[in-house]
Amino acid sequence: MHNHKLIPVLKSFSRREMTRFLEFACSPYFNKHEGVRALVAYLSSIYPDFDERHCRRELIFQAVFPGEAHGQPRLALLFTYTYRLLGQFLCAEQLEQEPPARDLLLLRGLRGRQLYPHYEKALEGARSRALEPPYRDSNWHYHQYQLAAEADYFYTLTSERRTDNSLEQKQEALDCFYLAEKLRDACEMEVRSRILKLGRAPSGLSRAVEEARRQIEEKLGEPAIAMYYRLYRMISEGAPASYFEARRALEECQPFLPAPELKAIYNYLQNYCIQQINKGDAPFLEEIFRLYQAQLGHGLLLEGGQLSEWHYKNIVTTGLRLHELPWVRGFIEGFREKLPPEVRDNAYRFNLASYYYAARQYGEVLRLLTQVEYSDLRYNLGAKALLLRTYYDLEEYEALNSLADSFKQYLHRNKLMADVRRQGYYNLFMLTRRAATLRYNLGYYSPERSRRELQKLQAGIRKAAAIFNKGWLLEKVGALAEMVGEG
C-alpha cells in the first residue's frame, strides 16, 4: 500500500503534523470509524518510514485487524476513508492558519442564527483584527471587501436600527483589490508574452493599467497598487528610469507586503538587471548585487532556513565581479551552514576556489578543485573553466593543453548538454588555448606573425556566437595586444 495516494501526503508531514493527524482521527467529533483510527495509529508509529517494507498489505491489515483473515477490499476501503479524513484534516489545519477566514465563518454562523448582539460584537472584533497585520497586499483588500460585504448584508437585515457606510467601504476595498490583482497579472502577462511570444494581453489587463494611471495619485498610498504599477512600467517601458522608480517604490512598500510577494517583486527587479547587464550596462551589476544583499538582509532567499546552492554561487560570482572580496569571503563562511547538507561541502569548496582565484591565491584554487565532486554537470563545467583560467594565469601551458584536449573529448561524449552551453564552453577552451599558445610563443614569433596571430584570435572571438567567461578572455587578449604592441 506504499503506492496509495494517502502515503505521499503523509510523507510531506512533519512529526508534529503527523501527531496532530492522529489526534484528529482519534476525536469522535471528526471520526467515529475504529478502523480508521487504528490505521492512522499504525501509520503514525512507522513515521517517516513509509516504504514497501513497512507498508506491506498483510502487515498493515494485521496491525489494524489483528488475528483476522486478510481481506484486501476491506483494507482498500479503509484507506479510502482515511484519505477522506486526511482532506478534512488539511482543511482544518489551513483554517487554523487563517484567522480572517475564521472570523468570516463565525459572522455567517451568528447571522444565520439571528444572534445579532453577538454578531455586532464579533464584527467589531473582526474589523479591529483586520487592521492589525502590517500587510496591505491584495489579499488584505479582499478581506476588507469580504468584511464590508458581510456588514452590508447585515445592514440590509437591520437597517431600521442604524446608519452604515459598509457599502462604500465594500466598493473601495473591491476597487483596490481589483487594481492590485490586475496590475500584478499585467506584470506577469508582459513577462510571459516575451518568453512565450504570446499575442496581445487580455483587454481586461489593459483596462486595469489605464485605470491605475487615472487613479494613481489617489491610490499611491496603497502599497500593492503603487508597487505593481511601477513594476509594470519598468517591464513594459524598459527604461532605466522606470527601474529606479520601482526600486524606490519597493523601499517604501516593503514593510507592507508579505514575504512571498516580496520574493516575486525582487525577481522582477533582478531579471531587469540581468537584461541590462547582458546589454553591456555595467552599473546594473552593482544594482543586482544590492538586490541580493537586501534579500539576504530580510531572509527572502531562504527556504525552510536553507539557502539554495545556486543563489550562493550567483551571489559569490556577482560579488567577485565587483571586486568585493572581503564581503564575499564573509558571505561564503557566514552562509556555509545554511546550504542544504547534501550539497554543502561541494558548493562551499567550489565557491571558495572562485574567491581564491579572484584573490590570486592559485595554489588554494588547485587544492580546493581537487576536492570538488564532479557528479553535477554545472559544477563539472564550472570547475574545469576555473581550472583553465588558473592554468593560464600560472602559465602552466602543458597542463592547459592537456585540460583543453580532455575537455574536448568530454563535450563530445556528453550528449545531454544544451547546444548553447556546449558551444559556449567549447569556444572558451579553444580560444583560451590559442591565447596561451600566442603568449608562450611571443619570444619566438616575429612581430608580424604575432600581430597576425592576435588578429586571428580577435576575429575568432568576434565570430563566436557564445563564449563563457567572455569578459575574462577579452581581458587576457587585451593584455596580449599590449604585449604585441597593438593596444
Protein backbone atom coordinates (compact mmCIF):
# COMPACT_ATOMS: atom_id res chain seq x y z
CA MET A 1 0.00 0.00 0.00
CA HIS A 2 3.04 2.28 -0.10
CA ASN A 3 1.84 3.48 -3.52
CA HIS A 4 -1.57 4.62 -2.27
CA LYS A 5 -2.26 8.36 -2.71
CA LEU A 6 -2.52 8.68 1.09
CA ILE A 7 1.21 7.96 1.56
CA PRO A 8 2.79 10.90 -0.38
CA VAL A 9 0.72 13.34 1.69
CA LEU A 10 1.86 11.75 4.95
CA LYS A 11 5.46 11.82 3.74
CA SER A 12 5.18 15.60 3.47
CA PHE A 13 4.15 15.90 7.14
CA SER A 14 6.40 16.99 9.97
CA ARG A 15 6.39 14.87 13.11
CA ARG A 16 4.11 17.43 14.75
CA GLU A 17 1.64 17.30 11.87
CA MET A 18 1.57 13.50 11.98
CA THR A 19 0.80 13.63 15.70
CA ARG A 20 -1.96 16.17 15.14
CA PHE A 21 -3.49 14.00 12.42
CA LEU A 22 -3.53 11.09 14.86
CA GLU A 23 -5.27 13.29 17.45
CA PHE A 24 -7.72 14.41 14.77
CA ALA A 25 -8.50 10.82 13.79
CA CYS A 26 -9.00 9.84 17.45
CA SER A 27 -11.50 12.65 18.05
CA PRO A 28 -15.06 11.24 17.91
CA TYR A 29 -16.30 14.60 16.64
CA PHE A 30 -14.33 14.21 13.42
CA ASN A 31 -14.07 10.42 13.13
CA LYS A 32 -16.05 7.55 14.62
CA HIS A 33 -14.56 4.77 12.49
CA GLU A 34 -12.43 2.49 14.68
CA GLY A 35 -10.60 1.02 11.68
CA VAL A 36 -9.51 4.48 10.52
CA ARG A 37 -8.21 5.24 14.00
CA ALA A 38 -6.23 2.02 14.04
CA LEU A 39 -4.80 2.65 10.58
CA VAL A 40 -3.72 6.21 11.41
CA ALA A 41 -2.20 4.97 14.68
CA TYR A 42 -0.13 2.40 12.77
CA LEU A 43 0.96 4.91 10.14
CA SER A 44 1.96 7.32 12.90
CA SER A 45 4.00 4.57 14.58
CA ILE A 46 6.10 3.94 11.44
CA TYR A 47 6.52 7.64 10.51
CA PRO A 48 8.52 8.63 8.48
CA ASP A 49 9.38 5.15 7.10
CA PHE A 50 6.50 4.74 4.64
CA ASP A 51 8.46 2.30 2.49
CA GLU A 52 7.45 -1.01 0.98
CA ARG A 53 8.82 -2.94 3.95
CA HIS A 54 6.60 -1.15 6.49
CA CYS A 55 3.59 -0.70 4.22
CA ARG A 56 3.03 -4.25 3.04
CA ARG A 57 -0.68 -5.03 2.78
CA GLU A 58 -0.53 -8.05 5.04
CA LEU A 59 1.44 -6.19 7.72
CA ILE A 60 -0.96 -3.23 7.77
CA PHE A 61 -4.02 -5.48 7.81
CA GLN A 62 -2.77 -7.43 10.83
CA ALA A 63 -1.92 -4.19 12.64
CA VAL A 64 -5.44 -2.86 12.06
CA PHE A 65 -7.41 -6.14 12.29
CA PRO A 66 -5.23 -8.43 14.45
CA GLY A 67 -5.94 -12.14 14.11
CA GLU A 68 -8.39 -11.77 11.23
CA ALA A 69 -8.03 -13.31 7.76
CA HIS A 70 -6.63 -10.87 5.21
CA GLY A 71 -9.20 -9.08 3.09
CA GLN A 72 -7.80 -6.66 0.54
CA PRO A 73 -11.12 -4.96 -0.40
CA ARG A 74 -11.67 -4.20 3.27
CA LEU A 75 -8.22 -2.66 3.60
CA ALA A 76 -8.62 -0.64 0.38
CA LEU A 77 -11.92 0.79 1.65
CA LEU A 78 -10.23 1.72 4.92
CA PHE A 79 -7.52 3.61 3.02
CA THR A 80 -10.25 5.46 1.10
CA TYR A 81 -11.99 6.54 4.33
CA THR A 82 -8.66 7.61 5.81
CA TYR A 83 -7.78 9.66 2.74
CA ARG A 84 -11.13 11.49 3.02
CA LEU A 85 -10.41 12.20 6.70
CA LEU A 86 -6.99 13.46 5.72
CA GLY A 87 -8.64 16.01 3.42
CA GLN A 88 -10.79 17.24 6.32
CA PHE A 89 -7.69 17.49 8.49
CA LEU A 90 -5.81 19.58 5.92
CA CYS A 91 -8.79 21.94 5.66
CA ALA A 92 -8.93 22.28 9.44
CA GLU A 93 -5.18 22.94 9.62
CA GLN A 94 -5.41 25.56 6.87
CA LEU A 95 -8.31 27.26 8.62
CA GLU A 96 -6.26 27.33 11.81
CA GLN A 97 -3.64 29.39 9.96
CA GLU A 98 -6.16 31.89 8.56
CA PRO A 99 -7.83 33.93 11.32
CA PRO A 100 -9.61 36.20 8.77
CA ALA A 101 -11.40 33.18 7.29
CA ARG A 102 -12.42 32.04 10.78
CA ASP A 103 -13.82 35.49 11.52
CA LEU A 104 -15.98 35.42 8.39
CA LEU A 105 -17.31 31.93 9.11
CA LEU A 106 -18.17 32.95 12.67
CA LEU A 107 -20.03 36.03 11.45
CA ARG A 108 -22.05 33.99 8.95
CA GLY A 109 -22.88 31.44 11.62
CA LEU A 110 -24.10 34.11 14.09
CA ARG A 111 -26.05 35.93 11.41
CA GLY A 112 -27.72 32.72 10.27
CA ARG A 113 -28.97 32.21 13.83
CA GLN A 114 -30.07 35.83 14.10
CA LEU A 115 -27.85 36.34 17.13
CA TYR A 116 -27.46 40.00 16.27
CA PRO A 117 -25.94 41.34 19.53
CA HIS A 118 -23.29 38.60 19.36
CA TYR A 119 -22.84 39.33 15.66
CA GLU A 120 -22.20 43.04 16.20
CA LYS A 121 -19.60 42.33 18.86
CA ALA A 122 -17.90 39.72 16.64
CA LEU A 123 -17.95 42.15 13.69
CA GLU A 124 -16.30 44.84 15.77
CA GLY A 125 -13.59 42.39 16.82
CA ALA A 126 -13.08 41.16 13.26
CA ARG A 127 -12.69 44.71 11.94
CA SER A 128 -10.20 45.51 14.67
CA ARG A 129 -8.14 42.37 13.95
CA ALA A 130 -8.23 43.11 10.22
CA LEU A 131 -6.30 46.32 10.86
CA GLU A 132 -3.59 44.62 12.92
CA PRO A 133 -1.49 42.92 10.20
CA PRO A 134 1.17 45.18 8.71
CA TYR A 135 0.50 43.86 5.22
CA ARG A 136 -1.56 45.81 2.68
CA ASP A 137 -1.43 43.43 -0.26
CA SER A 138 -4.35 42.41 -2.47
CA ASN A 139 -5.35 39.65 -0.02
CA TRP A 140 -5.72 42.27 2.70
CA HIS A 141 -8.00 44.35 0.47
CA TYR A 142 -10.01 41.25 -0.41
CA HIS A 143 -10.59 40.51 3.28
CA GLN A 144 -11.67 44.13 3.82
CA TYR A 145 -14.10 43.66 0.94
CA GLN A 146 -15.50 40.45 2.46
CA LEU A 147 -15.93 42.05 5.86
CA ALA A 148 -17.66 45.08 4.35
CA ALA A 149 -19.91 42.84 2.24
CA GLU A 150 -20.86 40.84 5.33
CA ALA A 151 -21.54 44.03 7.30
CA ASP A 152 -23.63 45.46 4.44
CA TYR A 153 -25.69 42.27 4.23
CA PHE A 154 -26.29 42.53 7.98
CA TYR A 155 -27.30 46.16 7.49
CA THR A 156 -29.98 45.18 4.96
CA LEU A 157 -31.47 42.92 7.60
CA THR A 158 -31.43 45.53 10.38
CA SER A 159 -31.45 48.88 8.58
CA GLU A 160 -34.08 50.37 10.84
CA ARG A 161 -31.70 50.26 13.75
CA ARG A 162 -28.75 52.29 12.45
CA THR A 163 -26.98 54.02 9.57
CA ASP A 164 -23.99 52.36 7.94
CA ASN A 165 -21.20 53.08 5.41
CA SER A 166 -20.24 49.46 4.77
CA LEU A 167 -21.42 49.65 1.15
CA GLU A 168 -18.94 52.45 0.43
CA GLN A 169 -16.21 50.52 2.24
CA LYS A 170 -17.05 47.47 0.20
CA GLN A 171 -16.67 49.35 -3.08
CA GLU A 172 -13.40 50.99 -2.03
CA ALA A 173 -11.90 47.67 -0.96
CA LEU A 174 -13.11 45.99 -4.14
CA ASP A 175 -11.51 48.70 -6.31
CA CYS A 176 -8.18 48.29 -4.50
CA PHE A 177 -8.29 44.51 -4.71
CA TYR A 178 -9.19 44.64 -8.40
CA LEU A 179 -6.42 47.08 -9.30
CA ALA A 180 -3.74 45.31 -7.26
CA GLU A 181 -4.57 41.90 -8.74
CA LYS A 182 -4.91 43.18 -12.29
CA LEU A 183 -1.63 45.06 -12.14
CA ARG A 184 0.18 42.04 -10.75
CA ASP A 185 -1.27 39.89 -13.53
CA ALA A 186 -0.33 42.57 -16.08
CA CYS A 187 3.31 42.34 -14.95
CA GLU A 188 3.34 38.57 -15.30
CA MET A 189 1.50 38.65 -18.61
CA GLU A 190 4.01 41.13 -20.01
CA VAL A 191 6.90 38.88 -19.00
CA ARG A 192 5.29 35.70 -20.31
CA SER A 193 4.31 37.31 -23.58
CA ARG A 194 8.00 37.94 -24.29
CA ILE A 195 9.15 34.49 -23.25
CA LEU A 196 6.36 32.55 -24.96
CA LYS A 197 5.74 35.04 -27.79
CA LEU A 198 2.07 35.38 -26.93
CA GLY A 199 -0.31 37.78 -28.62
CA ARG A 200 -1.78 40.89 -27.08
CA ALA A 201 -2.60 40.87 -23.39
CA PRO A 202 -6.28 40.41 -22.45
CA SER A 203 -8.24 43.64 -22.74
CA GLY A 204 -9.14 43.49 -19.05
CA LEU A 205 -5.50 43.88 -18.10
CA SER A 206 -5.11 46.88 -20.41
CA ARG A 207 -8.15 48.49 -18.84
CA ALA A 208 -6.72 47.89 -15.37
CA VAL A 209 -3.45 49.57 -16.32
CA GLU A 210 -5.32 52.56 -17.74
CA GLU A 211 -7.50 52.70 -14.64
CA ALA A 212 -4.41 52.64 -12.46
CA ARG A 213 -2.90 55.51 -14.47
CA ARG A 214 -6.05 57.58 -13.91
CA GLN A 215 -6.21 56.84 -10.21
CA ILE A 216 -2.51 56.55 -9.41
CA GLU A 217 -2.26 59.80 -7.47
CA GLU A 218 -5.08 58.88 -5.09
CA LYS A 219 -4.01 55.21 -4.96
CA LEU A 220 -0.30 55.77 -4.34
CA GLY A 221 -0.97 55.27 -0.65
CA GLU A 222 -1.89 51.63 -1.33
CA PRO A 223 1.42 49.71 -1.36
CA ALA A 224 0.32 46.84 -3.61
CA ILE A 225 -1.09 49.16 -6.27
CA ALA A 226 1.84 51.58 -6.18
CA MET A 227 4.36 48.72 -6.31
CA TYR A 228 2.86 46.78 -9.20
CA TYR A 229 2.11 49.91 -11.20
CA ARG A 230 5.80 50.86 -11.02
CA LEU A 231 6.84 47.31 -11.88
CA TYR A 232 4.53 47.24 -14.88
CA ARG A 233 6.05 50.45 -16.20
CA MET A 234 9.53 49.04 -15.70
CA ILE A 235 8.71 45.81 -17.56
CA SER A 236 6.68 47.36 -20.38
CA GLU A 237 8.77 50.51 -20.98
CA GLY A 238 12.22 49.09 -20.22
CA ALA A 239 13.74 52.49 -19.42
CA PRO A 240 16.35 52.51 -16.60
CA ALA A 241 14.48 55.43 -15.02
CA SER A 242 11.42 53.19 -14.57
CA TYR A 243 13.60 50.58 -12.86
CA PHE A 244 14.81 53.11 -10.30
CA GLU A 245 11.22 54.27 -9.73
CA ALA A 246 10.26 50.67 -8.99
CA ARG A 247 13.30 50.28 -6.73
CA ARG A 248 12.30 53.36 -4.72
CA ALA A 249 8.71 52.13 -4.55
CA LEU A 250 9.95 48.85 -3.09
CA GLU A 251 11.88 50.65 -0.36
CA GLU A 252 8.65 52.42 0.64
CA CYS A 253 6.28 49.47 0.22
CA GLN A 254 8.39 46.60 1.54
CA PRO A 255 7.14 46.75 5.17
CA PHE A 256 3.56 46.36 3.92
CA LEU A 257 4.00 43.34 1.64
CA PRO A 258 4.34 39.68 2.74
CA ALA A 259 7.44 37.60 2.02
CA PRO A 260 6.05 35.52 -0.91
CA GLU A 261 5.04 38.73 -2.71
CA LEU A 262 8.39 40.38 -1.99
CA LYS A 263 10.23 37.40 -3.47
CA ALA A 264 8.30 37.79 -6.73
CA ILE A 265 8.96 41.55 -6.80
CA TYR A 266 12.69 41.11 -6.24
CA ASN A 267 12.70 38.52 -9.01
CA TYR A 268 11.21 41.05 -11.47
CA LEU A 269 13.87 43.59 -10.49
CA GLN A 270 16.69 41.04 -10.79
CA ASN A 271 15.53 39.91 -14.22
CA TYR A 272 15.54 43.51 -15.39
CA CYS A 273 19.09 43.95 -14.09
CA ILE A 274 20.21 40.77 -15.88
CA GLN A 275 18.73 42.06 -19.14
CA GLN A 276 20.64 45.33 -18.75
CA ILE A 277 23.88 43.55 -17.85
CA ASN A 278 23.53 41.36 -20.93
CA LYS A 279 23.21 44.55 -22.98
CA GLY A 280 26.52 45.74 -21.56
CA ASP A 281 25.12 48.18 -18.99
CA ALA A 282 27.77 47.52 -16.33
CA PRO A 283 26.29 49.66 -13.47
CA PHE A 284 23.41 47.19 -13.20
CA LEU A 285 25.84 44.58 -11.91
CA GLU A 286 26.10 46.68 -8.77
CA GLU A 287 22.31 47.01 -8.71
CA ILE A 288 21.76 43.26 -8.73
CA PHE A 289 24.38 42.91 -6.00
CA ARG A 290 22.40 45.36 -3.86
CA LEU A 291 19.23 43.39 -4.53
CA TYR A 292 20.95 40.21 -3.34
CA GLN A 293 22.17 41.95 -0.20
CA ALA A 294 18.71 43.34 0.54
CA GLN A 295 17.12 39.91 0.16
CA LEU A 296 19.74 38.33 2.40
CA GLY A 297 19.07 41.00 5.00
CA HIS A 298 15.35 40.20 5.03
CA GLY A 299 15.78 36.42 4.81
CA LEU A 300 13.96 36.29 1.48
CA LEU A 301 16.40 33.90 -0.20
CA LEU A 302 16.00 31.22 2.45
CA GLU A 303 13.57 28.34 2.00
CA GLY A 304 12.98 26.38 5.18
CA GLY A 305 16.01 28.09 6.68
CA GLN A 306 18.27 26.97 3.83
CA LEU A 307 19.95 28.87 1.01
CA SER A 308 19.95 27.34 -2.47
CA GLU A 309 23.44 26.42 -3.70
CA TRP A 310 22.73 28.37 -6.89
CA HIS A 311 21.78 31.54 -5.01
CA TYR A 312 25.03 31.01 -3.09
CA LYS A 313 27.02 30.70 -6.32
CA ASN A 314 25.31 33.64 -8.07
CA ILE A 315 25.93 35.95 -5.12
CA VAL A 316 29.59 34.94 -4.91
CA THR A 317 30.05 35.41 -8.67
CA THR A 318 28.43 38.84 -8.59
CA GLY A 319 30.46 39.98 -5.60
CA LEU A 320 33.71 38.82 -7.18
CA ARG A 321 32.94 40.60 -10.44
CA LEU A 322 32.58 43.78 -8.37
CA HIS A 323 35.86 43.01 -6.52
CA GLU A 324 34.03 42.91 -3.17
CA LEU A 325 36.48 40.34 -1.86
CA PRO A 326 36.21 40.90 1.93
CA TRP A 327 32.39 40.85 1.73
CA VAL A 328 32.40 37.71 -0.44
CA ARG A 329 34.72 35.85 1.94
CA GLY A 330 32.46 36.73 4.86
CA PHE A 331 29.40 35.63 2.91
CA ILE A 332 30.96 32.29 1.88
CA GLU A 333 31.77 31.46 5.50
CA GLY A 334 28.66 33.02 7.05
CA PHE A 335 26.16 31.14 4.89
CA ARG A 336 28.01 27.84 4.60
CA GLU A 337 25.87 26.16 7.27
CA LYS A 338 22.67 27.36 5.62
CA LEU A 339 23.39 25.36 2.46
CA PRO A 340 21.47 22.07 2.08
CA PRO A 341 23.57 19.37 3.82
CA GLU A 342 23.75 17.13 0.73
CA VAL A 343 25.49 19.83 -1.37
CA ARG A 344 27.14 21.89 1.36
CA ASP A 345 30.76 20.76 1.02
CA ASN A 346 30.78 20.82 -2.78
CA ALA A 347 29.22 24.28 -3.04
CA TYR A 348 31.49 25.67 -0.31
CA ARG A 349 34.71 24.37 -1.90
CA PHE A 350 33.81 25.47 -5.42
CA ASN A 351 32.87 29.00 -4.37
CA LEU A 352 35.85 29.31 -2.05
CA ALA A 353 38.05 28.29 -5.00
CA SER A 354 36.42 31.06 -7.05
CA TYR A 355 37.22 33.51 -4.25
CA TYR A 356 40.87 32.40 -4.11
CA TYR A 357 41.16 32.78 -7.88
CA ALA A 358 39.97 36.39 -7.61
CA ALA A 359 42.45 36.86 -4.75
CA ARG A 360 45.20 35.35 -6.98
CA GLN A 361 45.94 32.60 -4.48
CA TYR A 362 46.24 29.98 -7.20
CA GLY A 363 47.64 27.24 -5.01
CA GLU A 364 44.47 27.30 -2.91
CA VAL A 365 42.38 27.17 -6.10
CA LEU A 366 44.11 23.98 -7.24
CA ARG A 367 43.88 22.40 -3.78
CA LEU A 368 40.13 23.05 -3.48
CA LEU A 369 39.25 21.98 -7.01
CA THR A 370 40.72 18.53 -6.36
CA GLN A 371 38.10 18.17 -3.59
CA VAL A 372 35.07 19.18 -5.69
CA GLU A 373 32.86 16.26 -6.73
CA TYR A 374 32.06 16.41 -10.43
CA SER A 375 28.82 14.39 -10.47
CA ASP A 376 26.80 17.57 -11.11
CA LEU A 377 27.23 18.86 -14.67
CA ARG A 378 27.21 22.52 -13.63
CA TYR A 379 29.97 22.02 -11.07
CA ASN A 380 31.91 19.92 -13.55
CA LEU A 381 31.82 22.63 -16.20
CA GLY A 382 32.42 25.49 -13.77
CA ALA A 383 35.34 23.76 -12.07
CA LYS A 384 37.02 22.93 -15.39
CA ALA A 385 36.60 26.52 -16.60
CA LEU A 386 38.08 27.81 -13.34
CA LEU A 387 40.96 25.35 -13.65
CA LEU A 388 41.58 26.55 -17.22
CA ARG A 389 41.80 30.18 -16.10
CA THR A 390 44.13 29.22 -13.26
CA TYR A 391 46.50 27.34 -15.57
CA TYR A 392 46.53 30.31 -17.94
CA ASP A 393 47.44 32.77 -15.19
CA LEU A 394 50.11 30.40 -13.84
CA GLU A 395 51.49 29.95 -17.38
CA GLU A 396 51.13 26.18 -16.99
CA TYR A 397 50.85 25.60 -20.73
CA GLU A 398 51.25 21.82 -20.80
CA ALA A 399 48.56 21.38 -18.15
CA LEU A 400 46.31 23.83 -20.00
CA ASN A 401 46.69 21.98 -23.32
CA SER A 402 46.03 18.65 -21.66
CA LEU A 403 42.91 20.03 -19.97
CA ALA A 404 41.64 21.50 -23.25
CA ASP A 405 42.12 18.15 -25.05
CA SER A 406 40.33 16.17 -22.34
CA PHE A 407 37.54 18.74 -22.19
CA LYS A 408 37.01 18.50 -25.95
CA GLN A 409 36.53 14.74 -25.56
CA TYR A 410 34.21 15.30 -22.59
CA LEU A 411 31.99 17.59 -24.68
CA HIS A 412 31.94 15.01 -27.48
CA ARG A 413 30.82 12.25 -25.07
CA ASN A 414 28.20 14.31 -23.23
CA LYS A 415 25.14 14.22 -25.48
CA LEU A 416 22.70 15.71 -22.95
CA MET A 417 24.25 19.18 -22.78
CA ALA A 418 22.33 22.00 -24.45
CA ASP A 419 23.91 23.20 -27.69
CA VAL A 420 24.36 26.81 -26.49
CA ARG A 421 26.13 25.69 -23.33
CA ARG A 422 28.27 23.17 -25.24
CA GLN A 423 29.33 25.82 -27.77
CA GLY A 424 29.96 28.44 -25.10
CA TYR A 425 32.35 26.22 -23.16
CA TYR A 426 33.97 24.82 -26.31
CA ASN A 427 34.77 28.35 -27.51
CA LEU A 428 36.17 29.33 -24.12
CA PHE A 429 38.57 26.40 -24.06
CA MET A 430 39.69 26.53 -27.68
CA LEU A 431 40.15 30.31 -27.77
CA THR A 432 41.97 30.28 -24.42
CA ARG A 433 44.33 27.64 -25.77
CA ARG A 434 45.03 29.84 -28.80
CA ALA A 435 45.69 32.80 -26.50
CA ALA A 436 48.03 30.67 -24.37
CA THR A 437 49.88 29.46 -27.48
CA LEU A 438 50.37 33.03 -28.66
CA ARG A 439 51.60 34.20 -25.26
CA TYR A 440 54.02 31.27 -25.00
CA ASN A 441 55.46 31.97 -28.47
CA LEU A 442 55.79 35.74 -28.24
CA GLY A 443 59.52 35.38 -27.76
CA TYR A 444 59.81 33.16 -30.81
CA TYR A 445 57.38 34.70 -33.31
CA SER A 446 58.35 37.70 -35.38
CA PRO A 447 56.40 40.91 -34.60
CA GLU A 448 54.48 40.48 -37.87
CA ARG A 449 53.45 36.92 -37.08
CA SER A 450 52.48 37.87 -33.53
CA ARG A 451 50.18 40.56 -34.88
CA ARG A 452 48.67 38.15 -37.41
CA GLU A 453 48.01 35.54 -34.74
CA LEU A 454 46.50 38.17 -32.46
CA GLN A 455 44.20 39.41 -35.21
CA LYS A 456 43.06 35.84 -35.94
CA LEU A 457 42.34 35.34 -32.27
CA GLN A 458 40.36 38.59 -32.03
CA ALA A 459 38.41 37.67 -35.18
CA GLY A 460 37.62 34.26 -33.68
CA ILE A 461 36.23 35.92 -30.56
CA ARG A 462 34.08 38.29 -32.62
CA LYS A 463 32.68 35.44 -34.72
CA ALA A 464 31.89 33.15 -31.76
CA ALA A 465 28.16 33.15 -31.03
CA ALA A 466 28.68 32.26 -27.36
CA ILE A 467 31.71 32.28 -25.06
CA PHE A 468 31.52 31.54 -21.35
CA ASN A 469 33.69 33.80 -19.20
CA LYS A 470 33.98 36.10 -22.22
CA GLY A 471 34.88 39.11 -20.08
CA TRP A 472 37.87 37.25 -18.64
CA LEU A 473 39.00 36.15 -22.11
CA LEU A 474 38.74 39.68 -23.51
CA GLU A 475 40.82 40.96 -20.60
CA LYS A 476 43.56 38.43 -21.32
CA VAL A 477 43.51 39.13 -25.07
CA GLY A 478 43.69 42.85 -24.28
CA ALA A 479 46.84 42.22 -22.26
CA LEU A 480 48.27 40.22 -25.18
CA ALA A 481 47.51 43.14 -27.53
CA GLU A 482 49.58 45.44 -25.33
CA MET A 483 52.43 42.94 -25.35
CA VAL A 484 52.27 42.65 -29.15
CA GLY A 485 52.12 46.43 -29.48
CA GLU A 486 48.51 46.58 -30.75
CA GLY A 487 46.97 48.03 -27.63
